[in-house]
PDB file of N, CA and C in Angstrom:
ATOM      1  N   MET A   1      22.052 -42.100 -11.282  1.00  0.00           N
ATOM      2  CA  MET A   1      20.784 -41.405 -11.328  1.00  0.00           C
ATOM      3  C   MET A   1      20.799 -40.173 -10.422  1.00  0.00           C
ATOM      4  N   LYS A   2      21.786 -40.089  -9.544  1.00  0.00           N
ATOM      5  CA  LYS A   2      21.861 -38.951  -8.637  1.00  0.00           C
ATOM      6  C   LYS A   2      22.928 -37.947  -9.071  1.00  0.00           C
ATOM      7  N   ALA A   3      23.461 -38.135 -10.262  1.00  0.00           N
ATOM      8  CA  ALA A   3      24.504 -37.240 -10.744  1.00  0.00           C
ATOM      9  C   ALA A   3      23.913 -35.872 -11.076  1.00  0.00           C
ATOM     10  N   ALA A   4      24.743 -34.877 -10.928  1.00  0.00           N
ATOM     11  CA  ALA A   4      24.348 -33.507 -11.271  1.00  0.00           C
ATOM     12  C   ALA A   4      24.171 -33.400 -12.793  1.00  0.00           C
ATOM     13  N   PRO A   5      23.291 -32.512 -13.244  1.00  0.00           N
ATOM     14  CA  PRO A   5      23.057 -32.359 -14.683  1.00  0.00           C
ATOM     15  C   PRO A   5      24.335 -32.120 -15.488  1.00  0.00           C
ATOM     16  N   ASN A   6      25.263 -31.341 -14.951  1.00  0.00           N
ATOM     17  CA  ASN A   6      26.502 -31.089 -15.707  1.00  0.00           C
ATOM     18  C   ASN A   6      27.349 -32.361 -15.823  1.00  0.00           C
ATOM     19  N   GLU A   7      27.300 -33.238 -14.814  1.00  0.00           N
ATOM     20  CA  GLU A   7      28.025 -34.509 -14.902  1.00  0.00           C
ATOM     21  C   GLU A   7      27.404 -35.414 -15.966  1.00  0.00           C
ATOM     22  N   ILE A   8      26.091 -35.438 -16.010  1.00  0.00           N
ATOM     23  CA  ILE A   8      25.402 -36.249 -17.010  1.00  0.00           C
ATOM     24  C   ILE A   8      25.706 -35.727 -18.404  1.00  0.00           C
ATOM     25  N   LYS A   9      25.666 -34.422 -18.564  1.00  0.00           N
ATOM     26  CA  LYS A   9      25.957 -33.800 -19.867  1.00  0.00           C
ATOM     27  C   LYS A   9      27.382 -34.149 -20.308  1.00  0.00           C
ATOM     28  N   THR A  10      28.332 -34.048 -19.397  1.00  0.00           N
ATOM     29  CA  THR A  10      29.728 -34.384 -19.713  1.00  0.00           C
ATOM     30  C   THR A  10      29.844 -35.849 -20.110  1.00  0.00           C
ATOM     31  N   TRP A  11      29.170 -36.724 -19.354  1.00  0.00           N
ATOM     32  CA  TRP A  11      29.215 -38.159 -19.647  1.00  0.00           C
ATOM     33  C   TRP A  11      28.614 -38.437 -21.020  1.00  0.00           C
ATOM     34  N   LYS A  12      27.450 -37.846 -21.300  1.00  0.00           N
ATOM     35  CA  LYS A  12      26.774 -38.100 -22.568  1.00  0.00           C
ATOM     36  C   LYS A  12      27.539 -37.528 -23.761  1.00  0.00           C
ATOM     37  N   GLU A  13      28.326 -36.496 -23.546  1.00  0.00           N
ATOM     38  CA  GLU A  13      29.100 -35.894 -24.632  1.00  0.00           C
ATOM     39  C   GLU A  13      30.457 -36.568 -24.817  1.00  0.00           C
ATOM     40  N   SER A  14      30.775 -37.526 -23.973  1.00  0.00           N
ATOM     41  CA  SER A  14      32.074 -38.188 -24.079  1.00  0.00           C
ATOM     42  C   SER A  14      32.139 -39.038 -25.349  1.00  0.00           C
ATOM     43  N   PRO A  15      33.323 -39.139 -25.930  1.00  0.00           N
ATOM     44  CA  PRO A  15      33.475 -39.952 -27.143  1.00  0.00           C
ATOM     45  C   PRO A  15      33.065 -41.413 -26.932  1.00  0.00           C
ATOM     46  N   ALA A  16      33.305 -41.953 -25.755  1.00  0.00           N
ATOM     47  CA  ALA A  16      32.967 -43.353 -25.494  1.00  0.00           C
ATOM     48  C   ALA A  16      31.462 -43.583 -25.554  1.00  0.00           C
ATOM     49  N   VAL A  17      30.674 -42.685 -24.971  1.00  0.00           N
ATOM     50  CA  VAL A  17      29.215 -42.834 -24.984  1.00  0.00           C
ATOM     51  C   VAL A  17      28.691 -42.623 -26.398  1.00  0.00           C
ATOM     52  N   LYS A  18      29.226 -41.646 -27.109  1.00  0.00           N
ATOM     53  CA  LYS A  18      28.807 -41.413 -28.495  1.00  0.00           C
ATOM     54  C   LYS A  18      29.086 -42.646 -29.348  1.00  0.00           C
ATOM     55  N   GLU A  19      30.242 -43.251 -29.160  1.00  0.00           N
ATOM     56  CA  GLU A  19      30.577 -44.447 -29.923  1.00  0.00           C
ATOM     57  C   GLU A  19      29.624 -45.597 -29.584  1.00  0.00           C
ATOM     58  N   CYS A  20      29.321 -45.764 -28.310  1.00  0.00           N
ATOM     59  CA  CYS A  20      28.374 -46.812 -27.903  1.00  0.00           C
ATOM     60  C   CYS A  20      27.004 -46.579 -28.532  1.00  0.00           C
ATOM     61  N   TYR A  21      26.545 -45.346 -28.515  1.00  0.00           N
ATOM     62  CA  TYR A  21      25.247 -45.012 -29.114  1.00  0.00           C
ATOM     63  C   TYR A  21      25.273 -45.287 -30.624  1.00  0.00           C
ATOM     64  N   ASP A  22      26.333 -44.872 -31.288  1.00  0.00           N
ATOM     65  CA  ASP A  22      26.434 -45.059 -32.736  1.00  0.00           C
ATOM     66  C   ASP A  22      26.500 -46.537 -33.129  1.00  0.00           C
ATOM     67  N   LEU A  23      27.095 -47.358 -32.261  1.00  0.00           N
ATOM     68  CA  LEU A  23      27.271 -48.777 -32.570  1.00  0.00           C
ATOM     69  C   LEU A  23      26.168 -49.668 -32.015  1.00  0.00           C
ATOM     70  N   LEU A  24      25.216 -49.108 -31.306  1.00  0.00           N
ATOM     71  CA  LEU A  24      24.206 -49.887 -30.598  1.00  0.00           C
ATOM     72  C   LEU A  24      23.524 -50.923 -31.494  1.00  0.00           C
ATOM     73  N   HIS A  25      23.198 -50.569 -32.716  1.00  0.00           N
ATOM     74  CA  HIS A  25      22.492 -51.486 -33.616  1.00  0.00           C
ATOM     75  C   HIS A  25      23.410 -52.052 -34.697  1.00  0.00           C
ATOM     76  N   SER A  26      24.716 -51.914 -34.486  1.00  0.00           N
ATOM     77  CA  SER A  26      25.684 -52.442 -35.449  1.00  0.00           C
ATOM     78  C   SER A  26      26.071 -53.871 -35.100  1.00  0.00           C
ATOM     79  N   LYS A  27      26.482 -54.612 -36.133  1.00  0.00           N
ATOM     80  CA  LYS A  27      26.949 -55.973 -35.904  1.00  0.00           C
ATOM     81  C   LYS A  27      28.235 -55.942 -35.079  1.00  0.00           C
ATOM     82  N   ILE A  28      28.378 -56.929 -34.219  1.00  0.00           N
ATOM     83  CA  ILE A  28      29.577 -57.019 -33.391  1.00  0.00           C
ATOM     84  C   ILE A  28      30.775 -57.389 -34.260  1.00  0.00           C
ATOM     85  N   ASN A  29      30.580 -58.329 -35.174  1.00  0.00           N
ATOM     86  CA  ASN A  29      31.632 -58.672 -36.129  1.00  0.00           C
ATOM     87  C   ASN A  29      30.987 -59.138 -37.425  1.00  0.00           C
ATOM     88  N   ASP A  30      31.779 -59.229 -38.470  1.00  0.00           N
ATOM     89  CA  ASP A  30      31.260 -59.564 -39.797  1.00  0.00           C
ATOM     90  C   ASP A  30      30.825 -61.019 -39.923  1.00  0.00           C
ATOM     91  N   ASP A  31      31.303 -61.890 -39.035  1.00  0.00           N
ATOM     92  CA  ASP A  31      31.001 -63.313 -39.122  1.00  0.00           C
ATOM     93  C   ASP A  31      29.691 -63.694 -38.444  1.00  0.00           C
ATOM     94  N   ASP A  32      29.038 -62.738 -37.826  1.00  0.00           N
ATOM     95  CA  ASP A  32      27.851 -63.023 -37.031  1.00  0.00           C
ATOM     96  C   ASP A  32      26.840 -61.896 -37.220  1.00  0.00           C
ATOM     97  N   ASP A  33      25.568 -62.204 -37.109  1.00  0.00           N
ATOM     98  CA  ASP A  33      24.532 -61.180 -37.246  1.00  0.00           C
ATOM     99  C   ASP A  33      24.205 -60.501 -35.920  1.00  0.00           C
ATOM    100  N   ALA A  34      24.841 -60.921 -34.838  1.00  0.00           N
ATOM    101  CA  ALA A  34      24.549 -60.352 -33.516  1.00  0.00           C
ATOM    102  C   ALA A  34      24.950 -58.878 -33.473  1.00  0.00           C
ATOM    103  N   THR A  35      24.091 -58.080 -32.837  1.00  0.00           N
ATOM    104  CA  THR A  35      24.380 -56.652 -32.663  1.00  0.00           C
ATOM    105  C   THR A  35      24.700 -56.386 -31.197  1.00  0.00           C
ATOM    106  N   TRP A  36      25.240 -55.212 -30.931  1.00  0.00           N
ATOM    107  CA  TRP A  36      25.536 -54.833 -29.551  1.00  0.00           C
ATOM    108  C   TRP A  36      24.256 -54.748 -28.735  1.00  0.00           C
ATOM    109  N   CYS A  37      23.204 -54.223 -29.321  1.00  0.00           N
ATOM    110  CA  CYS A  37      21.924 -54.141 -28.615  1.00  0.00           C
ATOM    111  C   CYS A  37      21.409 -55.552 -28.315  1.00  0.00           C
ATOM    112  N   GLY A  38      21.548 -56.445 -29.276  1.00  0.00           N
ATOM    113  CA  GLY A  38      21.158 -57.833 -29.068  1.00  0.00           C
ATOM    114  C   GLY A  38      21.935 -58.486 -27.939  1.00  0.00           C
ATOM    115  N   ARG A  39      23.204 -58.141 -27.828  1.00  0.00           N
ATOM    116  CA  ARG A  39      24.015 -58.683 -26.731  1.00  0.00           C
ATOM    117  C   ARG A  39      23.496 -58.180 -25.389  1.00  0.00           C
ATOM    118  N   ILE A  40      23.127 -56.912 -25.324  1.00  0.00           N
ATOM    119  CA  ILE A  40      22.557 -56.361 -24.080  1.00  0.00           C
ATOM    120  C   ILE A  40      21.274 -57.104 -23.736  1.00  0.00           C
ATOM    121  N   LEU A  41      20.411 -57.315 -24.733  1.00  0.00           N
ATOM    122  CA  LEU A  41      19.149 -58.016 -24.497  1.00  0.00           C
ATOM    123  C   LEU A  41      19.387 -59.443 -24.010  1.00  0.00           C
ATOM    124  N   SER A  42      20.398 -60.097 -24.550  1.00  0.00           N
ATOM    125  CA  SER A  42      20.681 -61.473 -24.119  1.00  0.00           C
ATOM    126  C   SER A  42      21.231 -61.517 -22.691  1.00  0.00           C
ATOM    127  N   LYS A  43      21.771 -60.413 -22.212  1.00  0.00           N
ATOM    128  CA  LYS A  43      22.200 -60.329 -20.811  1.00  0.00           C
ATOM    129  C   LYS A  43      20.998 -60.116 -19.888  1.00  0.00           C
ATOM    130  N   ILE A  44      19.950 -59.479 -20.409  1.00  0.00           N
ATOM    131  CA  ILE A  44      18.742 -59.233 -19.617  1.00  0.00           C
ATOM    132  C   ILE A  44      17.918 -60.511 -19.506  1.00  0.00           C
ATOM    133  N   TRP A  45      17.734 -61.197 -20.637  1.00  0.00           N
ATOM    134  CA  TRP A  45      16.952 -62.433 -20.667  1.00  0.00           C
ATOM    135  C   TRP A  45      17.845 -63.567 -21.131  1.00  0.00           C
ATOM    136  N   SER A  46      17.953 -64.607 -20.312  1.00  0.00           N
ATOM    137  CA  SER A  46      18.766 -65.760 -20.717  1.00  0.00           C
ATOM    138  C   SER A  46      18.125 -66.464 -21.911  1.00  0.00           C
ATOM    139  N   ASP A  47      16.796 -66.428 -21.992  1.00  0.00           N
ATOM    140  CA  ASP A  47      16.076 -66.961 -23.149  1.00  0.00           C
ATOM    141  C   ASP A  47      15.248 -65.821 -23.739  1.00  0.00           C
ATOM    142  N   LEU A  48      15.793 -65.189 -24.746  1.00  0.00           N
ATOM    143  CA  LEU A  48      15.169 -64.015 -25.340  1.00  0.00           C
ATOM    144  C   LEU A  48      13.779 -64.325 -25.908  1.00  0.00           C
ATOM    145  N   PHE A  49      13.527 -65.568 -26.273  1.00  0.00           N
ATOM    146  CA  PHE A  49      12.229 -65.941 -26.831  1.00  0.00           C
ATOM    147  C   PHE A  49      11.115 -65.901 -25.785  1.00  0.00           C
ATOM    148  N   LYS A  50      11.482 -65.861 -24.503  1.00  0.00           N
ATOM    149  CA  LYS A  50      10.479 -65.766 -23.440  1.00  0.00           C
ATOM    150  C   LYS A  50      10.044 -64.321 -23.194  1.00  0.00           C
ATOM    151  N   ALA A  51      10.779 -63.373 -23.746  1.00  0.00           N
ATOM    152  CA  ALA A  51      10.437 -61.954 -23.587  1.00  0.00           C
ATOM    153  C   ALA A  51       9.396 -61.574 -24.636  1.00  0.00           C
ATOM    154  N   SER A  52       8.443 -60.758 -24.224  1.00  0.00           N
ATOM    155  CA  SER A  52       7.429 -60.302 -25.174  1.00  0.00           C
ATOM    156  C   SER A  52       8.007 -59.221 -26.090  1.00  0.00           C
ATOM    157  N   SER A  53       7.332 -58.989 -27.183  1.00  0.00           N
ATOM    158  CA  SER A  53       7.753 -57.925 -28.106  1.00  0.00           C
ATOM    159  C   SER A  53       7.793 -56.582 -27.398  1.00  0.00           C
ATOM    160  N   GLU A  54       6.819 -56.346 -26.531  1.00  0.00           N
ATOM    161  CA  GLU A  54       6.756 -55.079 -25.799  1.00  0.00           C
ATOM    162  C   GLU A  54       7.935 -54.935 -24.840  1.00  0.00           C
ATOM    163  N   GLN A  55       8.303 -56.025 -24.164  1.00  0.00           N
ATOM    164  CA  GLN A  55       9.444 -55.975 -23.243  1.00  0.00           C
ATOM    165  C   GLN A  55      10.738 -55.683 -23.989  1.00  0.00           C
ATOM    166  N   ILE A  56      10.916 -56.331 -25.120  1.00  0.00           N
ATOM    167  CA  ILE A  56      12.124 -56.109 -25.916  1.00  0.00           C
ATOM    168  C   ILE A  56      12.149 -54.682 -26.448  1.00  0.00           C
ATOM    169  N   ALA A  57      11.021 -54.213 -26.961  1.00  0.00           N
ATOM    170  CA  ALA A  57      10.949 -52.840 -27.481  1.00  0.00           C
ATOM    171  C   ALA A  57      11.263 -51.835 -26.381  1.00  0.00           C
ATOM    172  N   PHE A  58      10.764 -52.070 -25.172  1.00  0.00           N
ATOM    173  CA  PHE A  58      11.031 -51.168 -24.053  1.00  0.00           C
ATOM    174  C   PHE A  58      12.514 -51.181 -23.689  1.00  0.00           C
ATOM    175  N   ALA A  59      13.133 -52.354 -23.644  1.00  0.00           N
ATOM    176  CA  ALA A  59      14.560 -52.453 -23.307  1.00  0.00           C
ATOM    177  C   ALA A  59      15.419 -51.749 -24.359  1.00  0.00           C
ATOM    178  N   VAL A  60      15.089 -51.930 -25.628  1.00  0.00           N
ATOM    179  CA  VAL A  60      15.816 -51.245 -26.709  1.00  0.00           C
ATOM    180  C   VAL A  60      15.644 -49.739 -26.566  1.00  0.00           C
ATOM    181  N   SER A  61      14.434 -49.310 -26.270  1.00  0.00           N
ATOM    182  CA  SER A  61      14.158 -47.878 -26.093  1.00  0.00           C
ATOM    183  C   SER A  61      14.970 -47.302 -24.944  1.00  0.00           C
ATOM    184  N   LEU A  62      15.086 -48.044 -23.855  1.00  0.00           N
ATOM    185  CA  LEU A  62      15.899 -47.574 -22.721  1.00  0.00           C
ATOM    186  C   LEU A  62      17.360 -47.422 -23.114  1.00  0.00           C
ATOM    187  N   CYS A  63      17.888 -48.386 -23.834  1.00  0.00           N
ATOM    188  CA  CYS A  63      19.284 -48.294 -24.296  1.00  0.00           C
ATOM    189  C   CYS A  63      19.477 -47.044 -25.149  1.00  0.00           C
ATOM    190  N   GLU A  64      18.571 -46.836 -26.094  1.00  0.00           N
ATOM    191  CA  GLU A  64      18.669 -45.669 -26.971  1.00  0.00           C
ATOM    192  C   GLU A  64      18.515 -44.377 -26.175  1.00  0.00           C
ATOM    193  N   PHE A  65      17.575 -44.366 -25.244  1.00  0.00           N
ATOM    194  CA  PHE A  65      17.299 -43.176 -24.447  1.00  0.00           C
ATOM    195  C   PHE A  65      18.508 -42.779 -23.598  1.00  0.00           C
ATOM    196  N   PHE A  66      19.086 -43.739 -22.892  1.00  0.00           N
ATOM    197  CA  PHE A  66      20.182 -43.417 -21.984  1.00  0.00           C
ATOM    198  C   PHE A  66      21.476 -43.071 -22.708  1.00  0.00           C
ATOM    199  N   LEU A  67      21.698 -43.641 -23.881  1.00  0.00           N
ATOM    200  CA  LEU A  67      22.948 -43.371 -24.593  1.00  0.00           C
ATOM    201  C   LEU A  67      22.846 -42.211 -25.582  1.00  0.00           C
ATOM    202  N   ASN A  68      21.645 -41.791 -25.926  1.00  0.00           N
ATOM    203  CA  ASN A  68      21.467 -40.732 -26.913  1.00  0.00           C
ATOM    204  C   ASN A  68      22.003 -39.398 -26.374  1.00  0.00           C
ATOM    205  N   PRO A  69      23.043 -38.850 -27.015  1.00  0.00           N
ATOM    206  CA  PRO A  69      23.621 -37.594 -26.537  1.00  0.00           C
ATOM    207  C   PRO A  69      22.666 -36.404 -26.647  1.00  0.00           C
ATOM    208  N   LYS A  70      21.607 -36.534 -27.430  1.00  0.00           N
ATOM    209  CA  LYS A  70      20.638 -35.442 -27.568  1.00  0.00           C
ATOM    210  C   LYS A  70      19.705 -35.358 -26.364  1.00  0.00           C
ATOM    211  N   ASN A  71      19.585 -36.434 -25.608  1.00  0.00           N
ATOM    212  CA  ASN A  71      18.804 -36.419 -24.372  1.00  0.00           C
ATOM    213  C   ASN A  71      19.724 -35.940 -23.260  1.00  0.00           C
ATOM    214  N   GLU A  72      19.456 -34.770 -22.763  1.00  0.00           N
ATOM    215  CA  GLU A  72      20.395 -34.136 -21.846  1.00  0.00           C
ATOM    216  C   GLU A  72      20.339 -34.659 -20.419  1.00  0.00           C
ATOM    217  N   ASP A  73      19.359 -35.478 -20.103  1.00  0.00           N
ATOM    218  CA  ASP A  73      19.295 -35.996 -18.738  1.00  0.00           C
ATOM    219  C   ASP A  73      18.984 -37.480 -18.771  1.00  0.00           C
ATOM    220  N   LEU A  74      18.917 -38.074 -17.609  1.00  0.00           N
ATOM    221  CA  LEU A  74      18.621 -39.492 -17.504  1.00  0.00           C
ATOM    222  C   LEU A  74      17.285 -39.739 -16.826  1.00  0.00           C
ATOM    223  N   LYS A  75      16.508 -38.697 -16.673  1.00  0.00           N
ATOM    224  CA  LYS A  75      15.206 -38.838 -16.028  1.00  0.00           C
ATOM    225  C   LYS A  75      14.259 -39.615 -16.926  1.00  0.00           C
ATOM    226  N   ASN A  76      13.376 -40.332 -16.293  1.00  0.00           N
ATOM    227  CA  ASN A  76      12.375 -41.083 -17.018  1.00  0.00           C
ATOM    228  C   ASN A  76      11.422 -40.120 -17.721  1.00  0.00           C
ATOM    229  N   ASP A  77      11.386 -40.177 -19.008  1.00  0.00           N
ATOM    230  CA  ASP A  77      10.486 -39.360 -19.810  1.00  0.00           C
ATOM    231  C   ASP A  77       9.449 -40.301 -20.418  1.00  0.00           C
ATOM    232  N   ASN A  78       8.321 -40.454 -19.726  1.00  0.00           N
ATOM    233  CA  ASN A  78       7.310 -41.434 -20.127  1.00  0.00           C
ATOM    234  C   ASN A  78       6.821 -41.236 -21.554  1.00  0.00           C
ATOM    235  N   LYS A  79       6.584 -39.989 -21.950  1.00  0.00           N
ATOM    236  CA  LYS A  79       6.064 -39.722 -23.289  1.00  0.00           C
ATOM    237  C   LYS A  79       7.070 -40.173 -24.346  1.00  0.00           C
ATOM    238  N   TYR A  80       8.331 -39.781 -24.178  1.00  0.00           N
ATOM    239  CA  TYR A  80       9.378 -40.161 -25.129  1.00  0.00           C
ATOM    240  C   TYR A  80       9.541 -41.677 -25.161  1.00  0.00           C
ATOM    241  N   LEU A  81       9.600 -42.316 -23.984  1.00  0.00           N
ATOM    242  CA  LEU A  81       9.777 -43.765 -23.939  1.00  0.00           C
ATOM    243  C   LEU A  81       8.594 -44.503 -24.565  1.00  0.00           C
ATOM    244  N   ARG A  82       7.393 -43.993 -24.386  1.00  0.00           N
ATOM    245  CA  ARG A  82       6.214 -44.621 -24.990  1.00  0.00           C
ATOM    246  C   ARG A  82       6.305 -44.537 -26.523  1.00  0.00           C
ATOM    247  N   ILE A  83       6.699 -43.386 -27.030  1.00  0.00           N
ATOM    248  CA  ILE A  83       6.849 -43.217 -28.485  1.00  0.00           C
ATOM    249  C   ILE A  83       7.934 -44.145 -29.014  1.00  0.00           C
ATOM    250  N   MET A  84       9.071 -44.173 -28.331  1.00  0.00           N
ATOM    251  CA  MET A  84      10.186 -45.021 -28.772  1.00  0.00           C
ATOM    252  C   MET A  84       9.842 -46.504 -28.666  1.00  0.00           C
ATOM    253  N   THR A  85       9.147 -46.890 -27.602  1.00  0.00           N
ATOM    254  CA  THR A  85       8.759 -48.289 -27.445  1.00  0.00           C
ATOM    255  C   THR A  85       7.803 -48.706 -28.559  1.00  0.00           C
ATOM    256  N   ASN A  86       6.851 -47.848 -28.895  1.00  0.00           N
ATOM    257  CA  ASN A  86       5.939 -48.153 -30.002  1.00  0.00           C
ATOM    258  C   ASN A  86       6.701 -48.271 -31.316  1.00  0.00           C
ATOM    259  N   LYS A  87       7.653 -47.384 -31.550  1.00  0.00           N
ATOM    260  CA  LYS A  87       8.457 -47.430 -32.777  1.00  0.00           C
ATOM    261  C   LYS A  87       9.270 -48.721 -32.819  1.00  0.00           C
ATOM    262  N   ASN A  88       9.922 -49.057 -31.716  1.00  0.00           N
ATOM    263  CA  ASN A  88      10.757 -50.254 -31.678  1.00  0.00           C
ATOM    264  C   ASN A  88       9.924 -51.528 -31.723  1.00  0.00           C
ATOM    265  N   ASN A  89       8.734 -51.500 -31.193  1.00  0.00           N
ATOM    266  CA  ASN A  89       7.864 -52.665 -31.237  1.00  0.00           C
ATOM    267  C   ASN A  89       7.422 -52.931 -32.667  1.00  0.00           C
ATOM    268  N   VAL A  90       7.128 -51.874 -33.414  1.00  0.00           N
ATOM    269  CA  VAL A  90       6.726 -52.025 -34.816  1.00  0.00           C
ATOM    270  C   VAL A  90       7.901 -52.495 -35.656  1.00  0.00           C
ATOM    271  N   SER A  91       9.093 -51.939 -35.402  1.00  0.00           N
ATOM    272  CA  SER A  91      10.242 -52.275 -36.251  1.00  0.00           C
ATOM    273  C   SER A  91      10.738 -53.695 -36.007  1.00  0.00           C
ATOM    274  N   ARG A  92      10.372 -54.301 -34.881  1.00  0.00           N
ATOM    275  CA  ARG A  92      10.803 -55.659 -34.590  1.00  0.00           C
ATOM    276  C   ARG A  92       9.978 -56.681 -35.364  1.00  0.00           C
ATOM    277  N   LYS A  93       8.768 -56.335 -35.706  1.00  0.00           N
ATOM    278  CA  LYS A  93       7.852 -57.294 -36.337  1.00  0.00           C
ATOM    279  C   LYS A  93       8.273 -57.668 -37.733  1.00  0.00           C
TER     280      LYS A  93
END
């Protein structure tokens, strides 16, 4: 969070981060319906059913926000996160 803007830009433009962003909602393997984002969520909550829809939507939004190469910084953007959380909360239902 204390990195210089050019370091963040370089990190976000790296092939590894782009691949992570592109695969975030992809299945981990063909034999299972689990996604990479789902795996991250299961690391946050040991029992995902105890998390509210809003909490899950916010966590998904954070993953998308931090890995999205179009977002040039890592600063908290409340307006963007609120929009993304609302979108992700609706899409989960």
